[in-house]
N, C-alpha and C. Protein backbone atom coordinates (compact mmCIF):
# COMPACT_ATOMS: atom_id res chain seq x y z
N MET A 1 108.72 -74.95 190.73
CA MET A 1 109.21 -74.58 192.05
C MET A 1 110.73 -74.36 192.02
N ALA A 2 111.43 -75.29 191.28
CA ALA A 2 112.92 -75.10 191.28
C ALA A 2 113.36 -73.83 190.62
N GLY A 3 112.53 -73.53 189.54
CA GLY A 3 112.82 -72.30 188.82
C GLY A 3 112.75 -71.10 189.65
N ILE A 4 111.94 -71.12 190.58
CA ILE A 4 111.82 -69.88 191.59
C ILE A 4 112.93 -69.77 192.45
N ASN A 5 113.34 -70.98 192.91
CA ASN A 5 114.55 -71.01 193.82
C ASN A 5 115.85 -70.61 193.19
N ILE A 6 115.97 -70.95 191.88
CA ILE A 6 117.09 -70.59 191.06
C ILE A 6 117.02 -69.00 190.89
N PHE A 7 115.85 -68.55 190.53
CA PHE A 7 115.78 -66.98 190.27
C PHE A 7 116.02 -66.21 191.57
N LEU A 8 115.55 -66.87 192.74
CA LEU A 8 115.85 -66.05 194.01
C LEU A 8 117.30 -66.10 194.48
N LYS A 9 118.02 -67.21 194.03
CA LYS A 9 119.35 -67.24 194.40
C LYS A 9 120.39 -66.59 193.43
N ASP A 10 119.80 -66.16 192.26
CA ASP A 10 120.65 -65.55 191.16
C ASP A 10 120.95 -64.07 191.66
N GLU A 11 122.24 -63.79 191.75
CA GLU A 11 122.69 -62.43 192.18
C GLU A 11 123.28 -61.61 191.09
N LYS A 12 123.10 -61.97 189.87
CA LYS A 12 123.69 -61.20 188.61
C LYS A 12 122.96 -59.85 188.54
N GLY A 13 121.59 -59.89 188.78
CA GLY A 13 120.93 -58.66 188.70
C GLY A 13 121.27 -57.70 189.82
N VAL A 14 121.50 -58.19 191.00
CA VAL A 14 121.82 -57.46 192.14
C VAL A 14 123.12 -56.72 191.91
N THR A 15 124.08 -57.42 191.32
CA THR A 15 125.35 -56.88 191.04
C THR A 15 125.25 -55.63 190.02
N ALA A 16 124.42 -55.89 189.07
CA ALA A 16 124.17 -54.83 188.02
C ALA A 16 123.62 -53.58 188.71
N ILE A 17 122.69 -53.79 189.63
CA ILE A 17 122.05 -52.75 190.26
C ILE A 17 122.97 -51.96 191.08
N GLU A 18 123.87 -52.72 191.81
CA GLU A 18 124.94 -52.04 192.70
C GLU A 18 125.71 -51.16 191.91
N TYR A 19 126.25 -51.73 190.70
CA TYR A 19 127.05 -50.98 189.89
C TYR A 19 126.43 -49.66 189.27
N ALA A 20 125.10 -49.83 188.93
CA ALA A 20 124.39 -48.70 188.46
C ALA A 20 124.24 -47.57 189.60
N LEU A 21 123.99 -48.01 190.81
CA LEU A 21 123.97 -47.04 191.88
C LEU A 21 125.36 -46.43 192.14
N ILE A 22 126.34 -47.09 192.04
CA ILE A 22 127.72 -46.61 192.21
C ILE A 22 128.00 -45.45 191.04
N ALA A 23 127.61 -45.90 189.84
CA ALA A 23 127.84 -44.93 188.71
C ALA A 23 127.03 -43.77 188.90
N ALA A 24 125.79 -43.91 189.32
CA ALA A 24 124.84 -42.69 189.56
C ALA A 24 125.54 -41.82 190.64
N GLY A 25 126.04 -42.42 191.75
CA GLY A 25 126.66 -41.57 192.73
C GLY A 25 127.85 -40.82 192.25
N ILE A 26 128.64 -41.51 191.48
CA ILE A 26 129.76 -40.78 190.87
C ILE A 26 129.33 -39.64 189.98
N ALA A 27 128.26 -39.95 189.17
CA ALA A 27 127.85 -38.89 188.27
C ALA A 27 127.26 -37.76 189.08
N ILE A 28 126.55 -37.93 190.19
CA ILE A 28 126.09 -36.81 190.88
C ILE A 28 127.22 -36.00 191.56
N ALA A 29 128.25 -36.76 191.94
CA ALA A 29 129.38 -36.08 192.67
C ALA A 29 130.10 -35.21 191.64
N ILE A 30 130.27 -35.78 190.39
CA ILE A 30 130.98 -34.92 189.33
C ILE A 30 130.17 -33.68 189.00
N PHE A 31 128.81 -33.81 188.94
CA PHE A 31 127.88 -32.64 188.55
C PHE A 31 128.01 -31.66 189.69
N VAL A 32 128.06 -31.95 190.93
CA VAL A 32 128.14 -31.05 192.03
C VAL A 32 129.54 -30.28 191.94
N VAL A 33 130.60 -30.91 191.77
CA VAL A 33 131.83 -30.34 191.78
C VAL A 33 131.91 -29.41 190.54
N VAL A 34 131.54 -29.89 189.40
CA VAL A 34 131.58 -29.05 188.09
C VAL A 34 130.66 -27.80 188.28
N TRP A 35 129.50 -28.02 188.91
CA TRP A 35 128.62 -26.79 189.14
C TRP A 35 129.27 -25.80 190.10
N GLY A 36 129.89 -26.31 191.13
CA GLY A 36 130.58 -25.41 192.02
C GLY A 36 131.73 -24.70 191.46
N VAL A 37 132.50 -25.28 190.72
CA VAL A 37 133.57 -24.72 190.04
C VAL A 37 133.07 -23.68 188.98
N GLY A 38 131.98 -23.89 188.31
CA GLY A 38 131.38 -22.98 187.38
C GLY A 38 130.83 -21.77 188.06
N GLN A 39 130.24 -21.90 189.22
CA GLN A 39 129.89 -20.80 190.01
C GLN A 39 130.96 -19.93 190.48
N LYS A 40 132.04 -20.44 190.79
CA LYS A 40 133.23 -19.66 191.23
C LYS A 40 133.82 -18.94 190.07
N LEU A 41 133.90 -19.60 188.81
CA LEU A 41 134.44 -18.99 187.75
C LEU A 41 133.51 -17.95 187.30
N SER A 42 132.24 -18.05 187.37
CA SER A 42 131.33 -17.07 186.96
C SER A 42 131.52 -15.77 187.83
N SER A 43 131.70 -15.97 189.10
CA SER A 43 131.87 -14.84 190.01
C SER A 43 133.19 -14.21 189.80
N ALA A 44 134.30 -14.93 189.39
CA ALA A 44 135.54 -14.26 189.09
C ALA A 44 135.47 -13.52 187.86
N PHE A 45 134.85 -14.01 186.77
CA PHE A 45 134.63 -13.26 185.52
C PHE A 45 133.89 -12.05 185.76
N GLN A 46 132.87 -12.15 186.53
CA GLN A 46 132.02 -10.98 186.84
C GLN A 46 132.83 -9.98 187.53
N LEU A 47 133.69 -10.30 188.50
CA LEU A 47 134.53 -9.41 189.16
C LEU A 47 135.47 -8.56 188.22
N VAL A 48 136.01 -9.50 187.26
CA VAL A 48 137.02 -8.82 186.33
C VAL A 48 136.09 -7.82 185.41
N ALA A 49 134.91 -8.34 184.96
CA ALA A 49 134.13 -7.32 184.12
C ALA A 49 133.72 -6.12 184.82
N ASP A 50 133.44 -6.18 186.15
CA ASP A 50 133.14 -4.95 186.85
C ASP A 50 134.30 -4.10 187.00
N CYS A 51 135.45 -4.63 187.12
CA CYS A 51 136.67 -3.86 187.20
C CYS A 51 136.90 -3.03 185.94
N PHE A 52 136.65 -3.65 184.77
CA PHE A 52 136.75 -2.98 183.52
C PHE A 52 135.75 -1.94 183.30
N SER A 53 134.52 -2.21 183.70
CA SER A 53 133.39 -1.28 183.39
C SER A 53 133.60 -0.07 184.38
N VAL A 54 134.18 -0.14 185.53
CA VAL A 54 134.36 1.03 186.49
C VAL A 54 135.53 1.85 186.00
N SER A 55 136.57 1.20 185.46
CA SER A 55 137.74 1.99 185.13
C SER A 55 137.45 2.64 183.65
N GLY A 56 136.52 2.03 182.89
CA GLY A 56 136.14 2.72 181.58
C GLY A 56 135.32 3.81 181.64
N SER A 57 134.60 4.05 182.75
CA SER A 57 133.60 5.08 182.81
C SER A 57 134.18 6.40 183.00
């Protein structure tokens, strides 16, 4: 019975889970930003490529 009380009062695992959730949130935020920048770069390069293909024709 005392072992159960010690287990229920132990907060080390909770802290690890909180840090894991924070790390996951940061990873998702970085992914979203990088994906958004990649989309903008892709459209910019496509615009430049379209300008070259029109002038070359």
